[in-house]
Amino acid sequence: MRRIDVIGISLGVFVTGGLTYLFLQNRGLDGISAGIWSQVVLVGGLLAWIFSYLLRALTQKMTYNQQIKDYQEAFLQKRLESLTPEELEKITAEIAQENSQPKP
């Protein structure tokens, strides 16, 4: 994440908190209650973000993991393209033989 992204997200959270506070005040809540409820909204959003982050980390759906997977697939595809037809036939036969054997 770039520095400008962090600044933008921080500014967005700050503005959202202020707008939530003003919205709640305009709906009839006093300053203290509006402040408490705007904090509840922001903390709830933070907890939702943390939960989604942990879920992505545990299921390995993170950008880094996807980049590694894409790199490995591209590497294997390039290696496959560089094989001669004889080597490809040999590998295909080996795979077919392994698939035909019963697994314990």
N, C-alpha and C. Protein backbone atom coordinates (compact mmCIF):
# COMPACT_ATOMS: atom_id res chain seq x y z
N MET A 1 0.85 -1.16 0.00
CA MET A 1 0.00 0.00 0.00
C MET A 1 0.90 1.23 0.00
N ARG A 2 0.54 2.16 -0.85
CA ARG A 2 1.35 3.37 -0.94
C ARG A 2 1.00 4.35 0.17
N ARG A 3 1.90 5.28 0.40
CA ARG A 3 1.70 6.27 1.46
C ARG A 3 0.46 7.12 1.18
N ILE A 4 0.23 7.47 -0.07
CA ILE A 4 -0.94 8.29 -0.40
C ILE A 4 -2.23 7.53 -0.14
N ASP A 5 -2.21 6.21 -0.31
CA ASP A 5 -3.39 5.40 0.00
C ASP A 5 -3.71 5.45 1.49
N VAL A 6 -2.68 5.34 2.31
CA VAL A 6 -2.87 5.38 3.76
C VAL A 6 -3.41 6.75 4.18
N ILE A 7 -2.87 7.81 3.58
CA ILE A 7 -3.35 9.16 3.90
C ILE A 7 -4.81 9.31 3.48
N GLY A 8 -5.15 8.81 2.30
CA GLY A 8 -6.53 8.90 1.82
C GLY A 8 -7.49 8.12 2.69
N ILE A 9 -7.11 6.92 3.08
CA ILE A 9 -7.98 6.11 3.94
C ILE A 9 -8.15 6.78 5.30
N SER A 10 -7.07 7.28 5.87
CA SER A 10 -7.15 7.97 7.17
C SER A 10 -8.04 9.18 7.09
N LEU A 11 -7.89 9.95 6.03
CA LEU A 11 -8.73 11.13 5.85
C LEU A 11 -10.19 10.72 5.68
N GLY A 12 -10.43 9.64 4.94
CA GLY A 12 -11.79 9.15 4.74
C GLY A 12 -12.44 8.72 6.04
N VAL A 13 -11.69 8.02 6.90
CA VAL A 13 -12.22 7.59 8.19
C VAL A 13 -12.52 8.81 9.06
N PHE A 14 -11.63 9.78 9.07
CA PHE A 14 -11.83 11.00 9.85
C PHE A 14 -13.07 11.75 9.40
N VAL A 15 -13.22 11.91 8.10
CA VAL A 15 -14.38 12.63 7.55
C VAL A 15 -15.67 11.85 7.82
N THR A 16 -15.61 10.52 7.68
CA THR A 16 -16.80 9.70 7.95
C THR A 16 -17.25 9.84 9.40
N GLY A 17 -16.29 9.83 10.31
CA GLY A 17 -16.63 10.01 11.72
C GLY A 17 -17.28 11.36 11.98
N GLY A 18 -16.72 12.41 11.39
CA GLY A 18 -17.29 13.74 11.56
C GLY A 18 -18.67 13.87 10.96
N LEU A 19 -18.85 13.32 9.77
CA LEU A 19 -20.17 13.38 9.12
C LEU A 19 -21.21 12.56 9.89
N THR A 20 -20.79 11.43 10.43
CA THR A 20 -21.71 10.63 11.25
C THR A 20 -22.12 11.39 12.49
N TYR A 21 -21.16 12.05 13.12
CA TYR A 21 -21.45 12.86 14.30
C TYR A 21 -22.44 13.98 13.96
N LEU A 22 -22.18 14.70 12.88
CA LEU A 22 -23.07 15.79 12.49
C LEU A 22 -24.46 15.27 12.11
N PHE A 23 -24.51 14.14 11.41
CA PHE A 23 -25.80 13.55 11.03
C PHE A 23 -26.61 13.20 12.27
N LEU A 24 -25.97 12.57 13.25
CA LEU A 24 -26.68 12.18 14.47
C LEU A 24 -27.11 13.39 15.28
N GLN A 25 -26.30 14.44 15.29
CA GLN A 25 -26.68 15.66 15.99
C GLN A 25 -27.89 16.31 15.31
N ASN A 26 -27.91 16.32 13.99
CA ASN A 26 -29.04 16.89 13.27
C ASN A 26 -30.31 16.06 13.45
N ARG A 27 -30.19 14.80 13.79
CA ARG A 27 -31.35 13.94 14.01
C ARG A 27 -31.88 14.04 15.44
N GLY A 28 -31.28 14.90 16.26
CA GLY A 28 -31.83 15.16 17.57
C GLY A 28 -31.03 14.65 18.75
N LEU A 29 -29.93 14.00 18.53
CA LEU A 29 -29.12 13.54 19.66
C LEU A 29 -28.26 14.69 20.18
N ASP A 30 -28.00 14.68 21.49
CA ASP A 30 -27.10 15.70 22.04
C ASP A 30 -25.67 15.36 21.65
N GLY A 31 -24.75 16.27 21.92
CA GLY A 31 -23.37 16.12 21.49
C GLY A 31 -22.69 14.87 22.03
N ILE A 32 -22.95 14.56 23.30
CA ILE A 32 -22.30 13.39 23.91
C ILE A 32 -22.83 12.10 23.29
N SER A 33 -24.14 11.99 23.16
CA SER A 33 -24.73 10.77 22.58
C SER A 33 -24.32 10.61 21.12
N ALA A 34 -24.30 11.71 20.37
CA ALA A 34 -23.88 11.64 18.97
C ALA A 34 -22.43 11.22 18.87
N GLY A 35 -21.59 11.69 19.79
CA GLY A 35 -20.18 11.30 19.80
C GLY A 35 -20.01 9.82 20.11
N ILE A 36 -20.78 9.35 21.08
CA ILE A 36 -20.68 7.94 21.44
C ILE A 36 -21.14 7.07 20.28
N TRP A 37 -22.27 7.40 19.66
CA TRP A 37 -22.78 6.58 18.57
C TRP A 37 -21.90 6.66 17.32
N SER A 38 -21.30 7.81 17.08
CA SER A 38 -20.38 7.88 15.93
C SER A 38 -19.14 7.03 16.19
N GLN A 39 -18.69 6.97 17.44
CA GLN A 39 -17.57 6.10 17.78
C GLN A 39 -17.96 4.63 17.65
N VAL A 40 -19.19 4.29 18.03
CA VAL A 40 -19.68 2.92 17.88
C VAL A 40 -19.66 2.52 16.41
N VAL A 41 -20.11 3.43 15.54
CA VAL A 41 -20.12 3.14 14.10
C VAL A 41 -18.70 2.93 13.59
N LEU A 42 -17.77 3.80 13.97
CA LEU A 42 -16.39 3.69 13.51
C LEU A 42 -15.70 2.43 14.06
N VAL A 43 -15.92 2.11 15.32
CA VAL A 43 -15.32 0.90 15.89
C VAL A 43 -15.92 -0.34 15.24
N GLY A 44 -17.24 -0.31 14.98
CA GLY A 44 -17.87 -1.43 14.28
C GLY A 44 -17.27 -1.62 12.89
N GLY A 45 -17.04 -0.52 12.19
CA GLY A 45 -16.40 -0.61 10.88
C GLY A 45 -14.99 -1.15 10.97
N LEU A 46 -14.25 -0.73 11.99
CA LEU A 46 -12.89 -1.23 12.21
C LEU A 46 -12.89 -2.72 12.50
N LEU A 47 -13.82 -3.17 13.35
CA LEU A 47 -13.89 -4.59 13.66
C LEU A 47 -14.29 -5.41 12.43
N ALA A 48 -15.18 -4.88 11.61
CA ALA A 48 -15.56 -5.58 10.37
C ALA A 48 -14.36 -5.68 9.44
N TRP A 49 -13.56 -4.62 9.33
CA TRP A 49 -12.37 -4.65 8.48
C TRP A 49 -11.36 -5.67 9.01
N ILE A 50 -11.15 -5.69 10.33
CA ILE A 50 -10.21 -6.65 10.92
C ILE A 50 -10.68 -8.08 10.66
N PHE A 51 -12.00 -8.34 10.82
CA PHE A 51 -12.53 -9.68 10.58
C PHE A 51 -12.34 -10.08 9.12
N SER A 52 -12.59 -9.15 8.19
CA SER A 52 -12.42 -9.48 6.78
C SER A 52 -10.93 -9.72 6.46
N TYR A 53 -10.04 -8.98 7.09
CA TYR A 53 -8.61 -9.18 6.89
C TYR A 53 -8.19 -10.56 7.38
N LEU A 54 -8.62 -10.92 8.57
CA LEU A 54 -8.27 -12.23 9.13
C LEU A 54 -8.85 -13.35 8.27
N LEU A 55 -10.06 -13.18 7.78
CA LEU A 55 -10.68 -14.18 6.91
C LEU A 55 -9.88 -14.35 5.62
N ARG A 56 -9.46 -13.24 5.01
CA ARG A 56 -8.64 -13.31 3.80
C ARG A 56 -7.29 -13.93 4.08
N ALA A 57 -6.71 -13.62 5.24
CA ALA A 57 -5.40 -14.18 5.59
C ALA A 57 -5.49 -15.68 5.84
N LEU A 58 -6.53 -16.11 6.52
CA LEU A 58 -6.66 -17.54 6.83
C LEU A 58 -7.02 -18.36 5.60
N THR A 59 -7.79 -17.79 4.68
CA THR A 59 -8.15 -18.52 3.47
C THR A 59 -7.15 -18.29 2.35
N GLN A 60 -6.11 -17.54 2.62
CA GLN A 60 -5.04 -17.22 1.67
C GLN A 60 -5.58 -16.59 0.39
N LYS A 61 -6.47 -15.64 0.54
CA LYS A 61 -7.01 -14.89 -0.59
C LYS A 61 -6.39 -13.49 -0.65
N MET A 62 -5.18 -13.37 -0.12
CA MET A 62 -4.50 -12.09 -0.09
C MET A 62 -3.83 -11.83 -1.44
N THR A 63 -3.52 -10.60 -1.72
CA THR A 63 -2.89 -10.22 -2.98
C THR A 63 -1.56 -10.93 -3.16
N TYR A 64 -0.76 -11.00 -2.11
CA TYR A 64 0.55 -11.65 -2.19
C TYR A 64 0.41 -13.12 -2.59
N ASN A 65 -0.52 -13.81 -1.97
CA ASN A 65 -0.72 -15.22 -2.30
C ASN A 65 -1.17 -15.38 -3.75
N GLN A 66 -2.02 -14.49 -4.22
CA GLN A 66 -2.49 -14.55 -5.60
C GLN A 66 -1.34 -14.29 -6.57
N GLN A 67 -0.45 -13.37 -6.23
CA GLN A 67 0.70 -13.09 -7.08
C GLN A 67 1.62 -14.30 -7.17
N ILE A 68 1.84 -14.98 -6.06
CA ILE A 68 2.69 -16.18 -6.07
C ILE A 68 2.04 -17.26 -6.93
N LYS A 69 0.74 -17.44 -6.78
CA LYS A 69 0.04 -18.45 -7.57
C LYS A 69 0.12 -18.13 -9.07
N ASP A 70 -0.10 -16.86 -9.43
CA ASP A 70 -0.01 -16.46 -10.84
C ASP A 70 1.40 -16.67 -11.39
N TYR A 71 2.42 -16.37 -10.58
CA TYR A 71 3.81 -16.54 -11.01
C TYR A 71 4.10 -18.02 -11.24
N GLN A 72 3.67 -18.86 -10.31
CA GLN A 72 3.93 -20.30 -10.46
C GLN A 72 3.24 -20.86 -11.69
N GLU A 73 2.01 -20.44 -11.93
CA GLU A 73 1.29 -20.92 -13.11
C GLU A 73 1.98 -20.46 -14.40
N ALA A 74 2.43 -19.20 -14.42
CA ALA A 74 3.12 -18.69 -15.61
C ALA A 74 4.44 -19.42 -15.82
N PHE A 75 5.14 -19.70 -14.74
CA PHE A 75 6.42 -20.42 -14.83
C PHE A 75 6.20 -21.83 -15.38
N LEU A 76 5.20 -22.52 -14.84
CA LEU A 76 4.93 -23.87 -15.31
C LEU A 76 4.45 -23.88 -16.77
N GLN A 77 3.66 -22.88 -17.13
CA GLN A 77 3.20 -22.79 -18.53
C GLN A 77 4.38 -22.57 -19.48
N LYS A 78 5.29 -21.70 -19.08
CA LYS A 78 6.46 -21.44 -19.92
C LYS A 78 7.34 -22.69 -20.01
N ARG A 79 7.48 -23.40 -18.90
CA ARG A 79 8.27 -24.64 -18.90
C ARG A 79 7.60 -25.69 -19.79
N LEU A 80 6.28 -25.77 -19.73
CA LEU A 80 5.54 -26.71 -20.56
C LEU A 80 5.71 -26.40 -22.04
N GLU A 81 5.69 -25.12 -22.38
CA GLU A 81 5.86 -24.70 -23.77
C GLU A 81 7.27 -24.99 -24.29
N SER A 82 8.24 -25.05 -23.40
CA SER A 82 9.62 -25.27 -23.83
C SER A 82 9.95 -26.75 -24.01
N LEU A 83 9.03 -27.63 -23.60
CA LEU A 83 9.29 -29.07 -23.74
C LEU A 83 9.17 -29.50 -25.20
N THR A 84 9.98 -30.47 -25.57
CA THR A 84 9.87 -31.05 -26.91
C THR A 84 8.66 -31.99 -26.93
N PRO A 85 8.15 -32.32 -28.10
CA PRO A 85 7.00 -33.24 -28.15
C PRO A 85 7.29 -34.59 -27.50
N GLU A 86 8.53 -35.08 -27.62
CA GLU A 86 8.88 -36.36 -27.01
C GLU A 86 8.82 -36.27 -25.48
N GLU A 87 9.36 -35.18 -24.93
CA GLU A 87 9.33 -35.00 -23.48
C GLU A 87 7.89 -34.87 -22.99
N LEU A 88 7.09 -34.17 -23.75
CA LEU A 88 5.69 -33.98 -23.39
C LEU A 88 4.94 -35.31 -23.39
N GLU A 89 5.18 -36.14 -24.39
CA GLU A 89 4.55 -37.46 -24.46
C GLU A 89 4.98 -38.33 -23.28
N LYS A 90 6.27 -38.25 -22.93
CA LYS A 90 6.78 -39.04 -21.81
C LYS A 90 6.11 -38.62 -20.50
N ILE A 91 5.99 -37.33 -20.28
CA ILE A 91 5.36 -36.83 -19.05
C ILE A 91 3.88 -37.21 -19.03
N THR A 92 3.21 -37.07 -20.16
CA THR A 92 1.80 -37.44 -20.25
C THR A 92 1.61 -38.92 -19.93
N ALA A 93 2.48 -39.77 -20.44
CA ALA A 93 2.40 -41.21 -20.16
C ALA A 93 2.62 -41.49 -18.68
N GLU A 94 3.57 -40.79 -18.06
CA GLU A 94 3.83 -40.98 -16.63
C GLU A 94 2.61 -40.57 -15.80
N ILE A 95 2.00 -39.47 -16.17
CA ILE A 95 0.83 -38.99 -15.43
C ILE A 95 -0.33 -39.98 -15.60
N ALA A 96 -0.53 -40.47 -16.82
CA ALA A 96 -1.59 -41.45 -17.07
C ALA A 96 -1.36 -42.72 -16.27
N GLN A 97 -0.09 -43.15 -16.17
CA GLN A 97 0.24 -44.36 -15.42
C GLN A 97 -0.03 -44.14 -13.93
N GLU A 98 0.33 -42.95 -13.40
CA GLU A 98 0.08 -42.66 -11.99
C GLU A 98 -1.41 -42.59 -11.70
N ASN A 99 -2.19 -42.05 -12.62
CA ASN A 99 -3.63 -41.93 -12.40
C ASN A 99 -4.33 -43.28 -12.49
N SER A 100 -3.77 -44.22 -13.25
CA SER A 100 -4.42 -45.54 -13.41
C SER A 100 -4.12 -46.47 -12.23
N GLN A 101 -3.08 -46.18 -11.45
CA GLN A 101 -2.76 -47.03 -10.31
C GLN A 101 -3.72 -46.74 -9.17
N PRO A 102 -4.20 -47.81 -8.50
CA PRO A 102 -5.12 -47.58 -7.36
C PRO A 102 -4.37 -46.94 -6.20
N LYS A 103 -5.05 -46.03 -5.56
CA LYS A 103 -4.45 -45.34 -4.42
C LYS A 103 -4.74 -46.10 -3.14
N PRO A 104 -3.77 -46.17 -2.23
CA PRO A 104 -3.97 -46.93 -0.98
C PRO A 104 -4.93 -46.24 -0.05
